[in-house]
C-alpha atoms as a PDB file:
ATOM      1  CA  UNK A   1     132.643  94.654 211.439  1.00  0.00           C
ATOM      2  CA  UNK A   2     129.574  94.277 212.956  1.00  0.00           C
ATOM      3  CA  UNK A   3     129.056  96.327 215.815  1.00  0.00           C
ATOM      4  CA  UNK A   4     129.466  94.613 219.473  1.00  0.00           C
ATOM      5  CA  UNK A   5     126.579  94.232 221.498  1.00  0.00           C
ATOM      6  CA  UNK A   6     126.109  94.765 225.271  1.00  0.00           C
ATOM      7  CA  UNK A   7     123.105  93.131 227.301  1.00  0.00           C
ATOM      8  CA  UNK A   8     121.586  95.082 230.048  1.00  0.00           C
ATOM      9  CA  UNK A   9     120.563  92.650 232.407  1.00  0.00           C
ATOM     10  CA  UNK A  10     116.868  92.776 233.841  1.00  0.00           C
ATOM     11  CA  UNK A  11     116.068  95.640 230.954  1.00  0.00           C
ATOM     12  CA  UNK A  12     114.675  93.035 228.724  1.00  0.00           C
ATOM     13  CA  UNK A  13     116.507  94.864 225.678  1.00  0.00           C
ATOM     14  CA  UNK A  14     120.148  95.326 224.431  1.00  0.00           C
ATOM     15  CA  UNK A  15     121.925  98.309 222.801  1.00  0.00           C
ATOM     16  CA  UNK A  16     124.829  98.251 220.656  1.00  0.00           C
ATOM     17  CA  UNK A  17     128.152  99.744 221.511  1.00  0.00           C
ATOM     18  CA  UNK A  18     128.105 101.875 218.333  1.00  0.00           C
ATOM     19  CA  UNK A  19     124.547 102.861 218.712  1.00  0.00           C
ATOM     20  CA  UNK A  20     125.729 104.459 222.470  1.00  0.00           C
ATOM     21  CA  UNK A  21     128.650 106.160 220.799  1.00  0.00           C
ATOM     22  CA  UNK A  22     126.568 107.514 218.626  1.00  0.00           C
ATOM     23  CA  UNK A  23     123.760 108.857 220.798  1.00  0.00           C
ATOM     24  CA  UNK A  24     126.692 110.732 222.471  1.00  0.00           C
ATOM     25  CA  UNK A  25     128.804 111.951 219.676  1.00  0.00           C
ATOM     26  CA  UNK A  26     125.529 113.589 217.838  1.00  0.00           C
ATOM     27  CA  UNK A  27     124.869 116.075 220.822  1.00  0.00           C
ATOM     28  CA  UNK A  28     128.649 117.106 220.277  1.00  0.00           C
ATOM     29  CA  UNK A  29     128.405 117.920 216.902  1.00  0.00           C
ATOM     30  CA  UNK A  30     125.152 119.973 217.211  1.00  0.00           C
ATOM     31  CA  UNK A  31     127.049 121.844 220.018  1.00  0.00           C
ATOM     32  CA  UNK A  32     129.931 122.362 218.125  1.00  0.00           C
ATOM     33  CA  UNK A  33     127.735 123.565 214.944  1.00  0.00           C
ATOM     34  CA  UNK A  34     125.671 125.710 217.179  1.00  0.00           C
ATOM     35  CA  UNK A  35     128.913 127.123 218.774  1.00  0.00           C
ATOM     36  CA  UNK A  36     130.281 127.894 215.023  1.00  0.00           C
ATOM     37  CA  UNK A  37     127.261 129.498 213.917  1.00  0.00           C
ATOM     38  CA  UNK A  38     127.278 131.880 217.117  1.00  0.00           C
ATOM     39  CA  UNK A  39     130.718 132.917 216.095  1.00  0.00           C
ATOM     40  CA  UNK A  40     130.177 133.505 212.731  1.00  0.00           C
ATOM     41  CA  UNK A  41     127.128 135.710 213.816  1.00  0.00           C
ATOM     42  CA  UNK A  42     129.695 137.730 215.886  1.00  0.00           C
ATOM     43  CA  UNK A  43     132.680 137.315 213.781  1.00  0.00           C
ATOM     44  CA  UNK A  44     131.538 136.594 209.980  1.00  0.00           C
ATOM     45  CA  UNK A  45     134.161 134.668 208.104  1.00  0.00           C
ATOM     46  CA  UNK A  46     135.737 137.032 205.589  1.00  0.00           C
ATOM     47  CA  UNK A  47     137.846 136.005 202.253  1.00  0.00           C
ATOM     48  CA  UNK A  48     141.360 135.609 203.186  1.00  0.00           C
ATOM     49  CA  UNK A  49     142.259 138.083 200.086  1.00  0.00           C
ATOM     50  CA  UNK A  50     139.713 140.804 199.636  1.00  0.00           C
ATOM     51  CA  UNK A  51     138.128 140.620 203.194  1.00  0.00           C
ATOM     52  CA  UNK A  52     134.473 140.395 201.655  1.00  0.00           C
ATOM     53  CA  UNK A  53     131.883 137.842 203.473  1.00  0.00           C
ATOM     54  CA  UNK A  54     132.365 134.243 202.823  1.00  0.00           C
ATOM     55  CA  UNK A  55     130.537 131.217 204.117  1.00  0.00           C
ATOM     56  CA  UNK A  56     133.606 128.793 205.396  1.00  0.00           C
ATOM     57  CA  UNK A  57     136.320 130.718 207.435  1.00  0.00           C
ATOM     58  CA  UNK A  58     139.748 130.615 206.140  1.00  0.00           C
ATOM     59  CA  UNK A  59     138.586 130.621 202.286  1.00  0.00           C
ATOM     60  CA  UNK A  60     138.755 132.641 199.384  1.00  0.00           C
ATOM     61  CA  UNK A  61     135.596 134.211 197.820  1.00  0.00           C
ATOM     62  CA  UNK A  62     134.660 133.030 194.359  1.00  0.00           C
ATOM     63  CA  UNK A  63     136.301 136.226 192.697  1.00  0.00           C
ATOM     64  CA  UNK A  64     139.789 135.641 194.158  1.00  0.00           C
ATOM     65  CA  UNK A  65     140.212 132.025 193.819  1.00  0.00           C
ATOM     66  CA  UNK A  66     139.540 132.421 190.244  1.00  0.00           C
ATOM     67  CA  UNK A  67     142.277 135.009 190.061  1.00  0.00           C
ATOM     68  CA  UNK A  68     144.905 132.771 191.768  1.00  0.00           C
ATOM     69  CA  UNK A  69     146.701 130.399 189.576  1.00  0.00           C
ATOM     70  CA  UNK A  70     146.535 127.094 191.535  1.00  0.00           C
ATOM     71  CA  UNK A  71     149.512 124.491 190.298  1.00  0.00           C
ATOM     72  CA  UNK A  72     147.709 121.651 190.546  1.00  0.00           C
ATOM     73  CA  UNK A  73     148.388 120.368 187.242  1.00  0.00           C
ATOM     74  CA  UNK A  74     151.306 118.184 185.506  1.00  0.00           C
ATOM     75  CA  UNK A  75     154.762 119.454 186.471  1.00  0.00           C
ATOM     76  CA  UNK A  76     158.520 118.589 186.288  1.00  0.00           C
ATOM     77  CA  UNK A  77     158.873 115.262 188.582  1.00  0.00           C
ATOM     78  CA  UNK A  78     161.773 117.024 190.554  1.00  0.00           C
ATOM     79  CA  UNK A  79     161.289 121.088 190.887  1.00  0.00           C
ATOM     80  CA  UNK A  80     157.610 121.225 190.470  1.00  0.00           C
ATOM     81  CA  UNK A  81     157.589 123.571 187.369  1.00  0.00           C
ATOM     82  CA  UNK A  82     154.205 123.583 185.924  1.00  0.00           C
ATOM     83  CA  UNK A  83     153.734 122.260 182.285  1.00  0.00           C
ATOM     84  CA  UNK A  84     151.190 123.099 179.524  1.00  0.00           C
ATOM     85  CA  UNK A  85     150.190 119.524 179.147  1.00  0.00           C
ATOM     86  CA  UNK A  86     151.068 116.299 180.502  1.00  0.00           C
ATOM     87  CA  UNK A  87     153.954 114.574 178.964  1.00  0.00           C
ATOM     88  CA  UNK A  88     153.729 111.531 180.985  1.00  0.00           C
ATOM     89  CA  UNK A  89     156.019 109.765 183.482  1.00  0.00           C
ATOM     90  CA  UNK A  90     158.476 111.280 185.562  1.00  0.00           C
ATOM     91  CA  UNK A  91     159.362 114.051 183.339  1.00  0.00           C
ATOM     92  CA  UNK A  92     162.093 116.935 184.403  1.00  0.00           C
ATOM     93  CA  UNK A  93     161.747 120.102 182.999  1.00  0.00           C
ATOM     94  CA  UNK A  94     164.902 121.612 181.135  1.00  0.00           C
ATOM     95  CA  UNK A  95     166.437 123.476 184.226  1.00  0.00           C
ATOM     96  CA  UNK A  96     166.317 120.298 186.059  1.00  0.00           C
ATOM     97  CA  UNK A  97     167.966 118.249 183.254  1.00  0.00           C
ATOM     98  CA  UNK A  98     170.689 121.073 182.560  1.00  0.00           C
ATOM     99  CA  UNK A  99     171.236 121.544 186.117  1.00  0.00           C
ATOM    100  CA  UNK A 100     170.172 118.724 188.675  1.00  0.00           C
ATOM    101  CA  UNK A 101     169.118 119.999 192.019  1.00  0.00           C
ATOM    102  CA  UNK A 102     170.208 119.038 195.338  1.00  0.00           C
ATOM    103  CA  UNK A 103     166.899 118.487 196.981  1.00  0.00           C
ATOM    104  CA  UNK A 104     164.709 115.579 195.644  1.00  0.00           C
ATOM    105  CA  UNK A 105     161.186 117.014 195.450  1.00  0.00           C
ATOM    106  CA  UNK A 106     159.625 120.110 195.837  1.00  0.00           C
ATOM    107  CA  UNK A 107     156.173 121.821 194.946  1.00  0.00           C
ATOM    108  CA  UNK A 108     154.367 125.004 195.411  1.00  0.00           C
ATOM    109  CA  UNK A 109     150.498 126.015 196.151  1.00  0.00           C
ATOM    110  CA  UNK A 110     150.413 128.644 193.625  1.00  0.00           C
ATOM    111  CA  UNK A 111     152.163 130.750 190.686  1.00  0.00           C
ATOM    112  CA  UNK A 112     153.902 133.958 192.013  1.00  0.00           C
ATOM    113  CA  UNK A 113     151.890 136.821 190.665  1.00  0.00           C
ATOM    114  CA  UNK A 114     150.317 140.063 191.613  1.00  0.00           C
ATOM    115  CA  UNK A 115     147.543 138.381 193.203  1.00  0.00           C
ATOM    116  CA  UNK A 116     149.392 135.825 195.101  1.00  0.00           C
ATOM    117  CA  UNK A 117     152.177 138.493 195.912  1.00  0.00           C
ATOM    118  CA  UNK A 118     149.533 140.760 197.579  1.00  0.00           C
ATOM    119  CA  UNK A 119     148.350 137.532 199.673  1.00  0.00           C
ATOM    120  CA  UNK A 120     152.325 136.422 200.511  1.00  0.00           C
ATOM    121  CA  UNK A 121     153.638 139.817 201.737  1.00  0.00           C
ATOM    122  CA  UNK A 122     150.441 140.371 203.846  1.00  0.00           C
ATOM    123  CA  UNK A 123     151.389 137.579 205.499  1.00  0.00           C
ATOM    124  CA  UNK A 124     155.071 138.128 205.787  1.00  0.00           C
ATOM    125  CA  UNK A 125     155.174 141.979 206.227  1.00  0.00           C
ATOM    126  CA  UNK A 126     151.565 143.074 207.513  1.00  0.00           C
ATOM    127  CA  UNK A 127     151.261 140.621 210.023  1.00  0.00           C
ATOM    128  CA  UNK A 128     148.524 138.413 208.780  1.00  0.00           C
ATOM    129  CA  UNK A 129     148.508 135.775 210.846  1.00  0.00           C
ATOM    130  CA  UNK A 130     144.995 135.011 210.490  1.00  0.00           C
ATOM    131  CA  UNK A 131     146.308 133.546 206.973  1.00  0.00           C
ATOM    132  CA  UNK A 132     148.214 130.949 208.619  1.00  0.00           C
ATOM    133  CA  UNK A 133     145.262 128.527 208.758  1.00  0.00           C
ATOM    134  CA  UNK A 134     144.144 128.876 204.869  1.00  0.00           C
ATOM    135  CA  UNK A 135     147.829 128.705 203.786  1.00  0.00           C
ATOM    136  CA  UNK A 136     148.274 125.394 206.133  1.00  0.00           C
ATOM    137  CA  UNK A 137     145.466 123.741 204.702  1.00  0.00           C
ATOM    138  CA  UNK A 138     146.585 124.513 200.819  1.00  0.00           C
ATOM    139  CA  UNK A 139     149.965 123.357 201.693  1.00  0.00           C
ATOM    140  CA  UNK A 140     148.690 120.084 203.026  1.00  0.00           C
ATOM    141  CA  UNK A 141     146.878 119.268 200.199  1.00  0.00           C
ATOM    142  CA  UNK A 142     149.352 119.935 197.659  1.00  0.00           C
ATOM    143  CA  UNK A 143     152.077 118.171 199.811  1.00  0.00           C
ATOM    144  CA  UNK A 144     150.069 115.282 200.625  1.00  0.00           C
ATOM    145  CA  UNK A 145     152.761 112.852 199.095  1.00  0.00           C
ATOM    146  CA  UNK A 146     155.560 114.672 200.696  1.00  0.00           C
ATOM    147  CA  UNK A 147     153.917 115.025 204.078  1.00  0.00           C
ATOM    148  CA  UNK A 148     153.554 111.274 204.393  1.00  0.00           C
ATOM    149  CA  UNK A 149     156.903 110.248 203.602  1.00  0.00           C
ATOM    150  CA  UNK A 150     158.623 112.984 205.584  1.00  0.00           C
ATOM    151  CA  UNK A 151     160.106 112.435 209.085  1.00  0.00           C
ATOM    152  CA  UNK A 152     160.480 115.867 209.986  1.00  0.00           C
ATOM    153  CA  UNK A 153     159.209 118.995 208.966  1.00  0.00           C
ATOM    154  CA  UNK A 154     161.825 121.985 209.014  1.00  0.00           C
ATOM    155  CA  UNK A 155     161.188 125.797 207.937  1.00  0.00           C
ATOM    156  CA  UNK A 156     163.596 127.673 206.266  1.00  0.00           C
ATOM    157  CA  UNK A 157     165.265 129.788 209.052  1.00  0.00           C
ATOM    158  CA  UNK A 158     165.556 133.582 209.335  1.00  0.00           C
ATOM    159  CA  UNK A 159     168.981 135.241 210.514  1.00  0.00           C
ATOM    160  CA  UNK A 160     168.524 135.948 214.032  1.00  0.00           C
ATOM    161  CA  UNK A 161     168.880 140.107 213.319  1.00  0.00           C
ATOM    162  CA  UNK A 162     166.178 139.777 211.002  1.00  0.00           C
ATOM    163  CA  UNK A 163     163.851 137.579 212.985  1.00  0.00           C
ATOM    164  CA  UNK A 164     164.400 140.247 215.943  1.00  0.00           C
ATOM    165  CA  UNK A 165     163.235 143.088 213.327  1.00  0.00           C
ATOM    166  CA  UNK A 166     160.162 140.996 211.963  1.00  0.00           C
ATOM    167  CA  UNK A 167     159.392 139.273 214.990  1.00  0.00           C
ATOM    168  CA  UNK A 168     158.413 135.671 213.756  1.00  0.00           C
ATOM    169  CA  UNK A 169     159.459 133.600 210.982  1.00  0.00           C
ATOM    170  CA  UNK A 170     156.624 132.970 208.446  1.00  0.00           C
ATOM    171  CA  UNK A 171     157.765 129.678 207.515  1.00  0.00           C
ATOM    172  CA  UNK A 172     157.920 128.411 211.139  1.00  0.00           C
ATOM    173  CA  UNK A 173     154.506 129.332 211.282  1.00  0.00           C
ATOM    174  CA  UNK A 174     153.572 127.278 208.268  1.00  0.00           C
ATOM    175  CA  UNK A 175     155.633 124.541 209.730  1.00  0.00           C
ATOM    176  CA  UNK A 176     153.826 124.618 213.201  1.00  0.00           C
ATOM    177  CA  UNK A 177     150.343 124.652 211.624  1.00  0.00           C
ATOM    178  CA  UNK A 178     151.049 121.590 209.533  1.00  0.00           C
ATOM    179  CA  UNK A 179     152.875 119.613 212.115  1.00  0.00           C
ATOM    180  CA  UNK A 180     149.706 120.120 213.978  1.00  0.00           C
ATOM    181  CA  UNK A 181     147.129 119.232 211.248  1.00  0.00           C
ATOM    182  CA  UNK A 182     149.070 115.973 210.235  1.00  0.00           C
ATOM    183  CA  UNK A 183     151.039 114.689 213.404  1.00  0.00           C
ATOM    184  CA  UNK A 184     154.136 115.041 211.833  1.00  0.00           C
ATOM    185  CA  UNK A 185     156.902 116.472 213.919  1.00  0.00           C
ATOM    186  CA  UNK A 186     158.468 119.825 213.211  1.00  0.00           C
ATOM    187  CA  UNK A 187     161.764 121.182 214.404  1.00  0.00           C
ATOM    188  CA  UNK A 188     162.246 125.153 213.647  1.00  0.00           C
ATOM    189  CA  UNK A 189     165.827 124.854 215.376  1.00  0.00           C
ATOM    190  CA  UNK A 190     167.531 122.234 213.238  1.00  0.00           C
ATOM    191  CA  UNK A 191     168.463 124.079 210.602  1.00  0.00           C
ATOM    192  CA  UNK A 192     170.463 127.650 211.785  1.00  0.00           C
ATOM    193  CA  UNK A 193     171.074 130.755 209.321  1.00  0.00           C
ATOM    194  CA  UNK A 194     174.594 131.582 210.440  1.00  0.00           C
ATOM    195  CA  UNK A 195     175.441 134.197 208.116  1.00  0.00           C
ATOM    196  CA  UNK A 196     173.333 137.382 207.776  1.00  0.00           C
ATOM    197  CA  UNK A 197     172.736 137.687 203.592  1.00  0.00           C
ATOM    198  CA  UNK A 198     170.851 140.701 201.750  1.00  0.00           C
ATOM    199  CA  UNK A 199     167.564 140.185 200.274  1.00  0.00           C
ATOM    200  CA  UNK A 200     167.613 137.635 197.371  1.00  0.00           C
ATOM    201  CA  UNK A 201     164.932 140.028 196.157  1.00  0.00           C
ATOM    202  CA  UNK A 202     167.900 142.128 195.661  1.00  0.00           C
ATOM    203  CA  UNK A 203     169.641 139.867 193.681  1.00  0.00           C
ATOM    204  CA  UNK A 204     170.219 140.656 189.817  1.00  0.00           C
ATOM    205  CA  UNK A 205     170.356 136.778 188.678  1.00  0.00           C
ATOM    206  CA  UNK A 206     169.948 133.307 189.553  1.00  0.00           C
ATOM    207  CA  UNK A 207     173.645 132.837 189.970  1.00  0.00           C
ATOM    208  CA  UNK A 208     173.947 135.774 192.245  1.00  0.00           C
ATOM    209  CA  UNK A 209     171.051 134.249 194.487  1.00  0.00           C
ATOM    210  CA  UNK A 210     173.110 131.195 194.658  1.00  0.00           C
ATOM    211  CA  UNK A 211     176.177 132.974 195.791  1.00  0.00           C
ATOM    212  CA  UNK A 212     174.491 135.209 198.058  1.00  0.00           C
ATOM    213  CA  UNK A 213     172.982 131.670 200.373  1.00  0.00           C
ATOM    214  CA  UNK A 214     176.541 129.711 199.844  1.00  0.00           C
ATOM    215  CA  UNK A 215     177.400 128.635 203.161  1.00  0.00           C
ATOM    216  CA  UNK A 216     174.303 130.329 205.135  1.00  0.00           C
ATOM    217  CA  UNK A 217     173.142 127.386 206.737  1.00  0.00           C
ATOM    218  CA  UNK A 218     174.097 124.529 208.938  1.00  0.00           C
ATOM    219  CA  UNK A 219     172.670 121.789 210.538  1.00  0.00           C
ATOM    220  CA  UNK A 220     172.318 122.361 214.539  1.00  0.00           C
ATOM    221  CA  UNK A 221     173.098 118.866 215.702  1.00  0.00           C
ATOM    222  CA  UNK A 222     174.149 116.285 212.534  1.00  0.00           C
ATOM    223  CA  UNK A 223     172.903 113.228 213.927  1.00  0.00           C
ATOM    224  CA  UNK A 224     169.213 114.307 214.391  1.00  0.00           C
ATOM    225  CA  UNK A 225     168.831 114.433 210.415  1.00  0.00           C
ATOM    226  CA  UNK A 226     170.594 111.349 209.604  1.00  0.00           C
ATOM    227  CA  UNK A 227     168.895 108.638 207.206  1.00  0.00           C
ATOM    228  CA  UNK A 228     165.982 111.054 207.841  1.00  0.00           C
ATOM    229  CA  UNK A 229     163.212 112.553 205.024  1.00  0.00           C
ATOM    230  CA  UNK A 230     163.395 116.042 205.825  1.00  0.00           C
ATOM    231  CA  UNK A 231     160.360 118.391 204.537  1.00  0.00           C
ATOM    232  CA  UNK A 232     161.493 121.984 204.300  1.00  0.00           C
ATOM    233  CA  UNK A 233     158.753 124.734 204.148  1.00  0.00           C
ATOM    234  CA  UNK A 234     159.292 128.280 202.634  1.00  0.00           C
ATOM    235  CA  UNK A 235     157.143 130.909 201.072  1.00  0.00           C
ATOM    236  CA  UNK A 236     158.500 131.491 197.999  1.00  0.00           C
ATOM    237  CA  UNK A 237     160.393 129.598 195.549  1.00  0.00           C
ATOM    238  CA  UNK A 238     162.091 132.197 193.054  1.00  0.00           C
ATOM    239  CA  UNK A 239     165.273 130.431 191.625  1.00  0.00           C
ATOM    240  CA  UNK A 240     165.286 127.281 194.223  1.00  0.00           C
ATOM    241  CA  UNK A 241     168.818 128.976 195.468  1.00  0.00           C
ATOM    242  CA  UNK A 242     167.492 129.118 199.468  1.00  0.00           C
ATOM    243  CA  UNK A 243     165.998 125.847 199.466  1.00  0.00           C
ATOM    244  CA  UNK A 244     169.341 124.318 197.603  1.00  0.00           C
ATOM    245  CA  UNK A 245     171.581 125.988 199.999  1.00  0.00           C
ATOM    246  CA  UNK A 246     169.351 124.255 202.690  1.00  0.00           C
ATOM    247  CA  UNK A 247     169.446 120.756 201.327  1.00  0.00           C
ATOM    248  CA  UNK A 248     172.760 120.907 200.780  1.00  0.00           C
ATOM    249  CA  UNK A 249     173.384 121.725 204.464  1.00  0.00           C
ATOM    250  CA  UNK A 250     170.880 118.579 205.152  1.00  0.00           C
ATOM    251  CA  UNK A 251     172.577 115.978 202.818  1.00  0.00           C
ATOM    252  CA  UNK A 252     176.036 116.983 204.019  1.00  0.00           C
ATOM    253  CA  UNK A 253     174.390 116.259 207.602  1.00  0.00           C
ATOM    254  CA  UNK A 254     173.693 112.757 206.196  1.00  0.00           C
ATOM    255  CA  UNK A 255     169.915 113.497 205.522  1.00  0.00           C
ATOM    256  CA  UNK A 256     168.301 110.491 203.398  1.00  0.00           C
ATOM    257  CA  UNK A 257     165.951 112.909 201.053  1.00  0.00           C
ATOM    258  CA  UNK A 258     165.184 116.513 200.940  1.00  0.00           C
ATOM    259  CA  UNK A 259     161.769 117.522 199.736  1.00  0.00           C
ATOM    260  CA  UNK A 260     160.341 121.404 199.366  1.00  0.00           C
ATOM    261  CA  UNK A 261     157.108 122.919 200.034  1.00  0.00           C
ATOM    262  CA  UNK A 262     156.402 126.407 199.343  1.00  0.00           C
ATOM    263  CA  UNK A 263     153.259 128.724 199.028  1.00  0.00           C
ATOM    264  CA  UNK A 264     154.185 130.052 195.904  1.00  0.00           C
ATOM    265  CA  UNK A 265     156.646 129.554 193.000  1.00  0.00           C
ATOM    266  CA  UNK A 266     158.108 132.030 190.357  1.00  0.00           C
ATOM    267  CA  UNK A 267     156.914 130.573 186.521  1.00  0.00           C
ATOM    268  CA  UNK A 268     158.743 131.891 183.984  1.00  0.00           C
ATOM    269  CA  UNK A 269     157.362 134.216 181.594  1.00  0.00           C
ATOM    270  CA  UNK A 270     154.478 135.116 184.121  1.00  0.00           C
ATOM    271  CA  UNK A 271     154.222 138.722 184.995  1.00  0.00           C
ATOM    272  CA  UNK A 272     155.663 139.077 188.665  1.00  0.00           C
ATOM    273  CA  UNK A 273     157.591 141.573 191.004  1.00  0.00           C
ATOM    274  CA  UNK A 274     159.792 139.745 193.414  1.00  0.00           C
END
């Protein structure tokens, strides 16, 4: 559409509104760039992983970027398990064919291995909250389609005693930042963890993991999710047991669909210490 024109009486000329808006926007952008430049001089941006200087804040250096295996290729249409080649269509992995998950779709940013584990654990256990913007940016890109369909973003909750010890829920921080970036609402209290369970990392098998979190979650107010599409946020997808336990509680409360978005996921056959 062409810019509308405003005639200035007595001036002998006219200025388009679009041009007027541009004339005010340019100084604002210049001021923002100058402000960022000053901040970069005082606090140079560092790689989120190795802390070497980088050009852009909340990013990785070239070496760390190459070391992380991002899951941006063909994958299972349901759980997001990566395929070595594109089989075409809505292909499911063997695990989903043998035991269809309760959730509808899941996606992850990167493979959980030695390099990504250091990042995730720094976030969870070393108070590296400066990683939230970078992680949210990655989650937003990988989960673009899921976010577009989601009615509400819900973090996987911690039990209140574990939350007290850790002081923050890493999944809730990611959900809040995603909500801020996308405009999708988030509700950190929609799901409750009603039973304290041992760490999933202590469980010897997928079956033990499922049994460990069975009945551990409930929806605080069931009417809040009726006919809604819920996007769950968590840090690591190992066997899917935690996501499935959350999805079961949400589906019982009549949620229409349950999606899951995680920072990392375990890939069978890839070396990783969970």
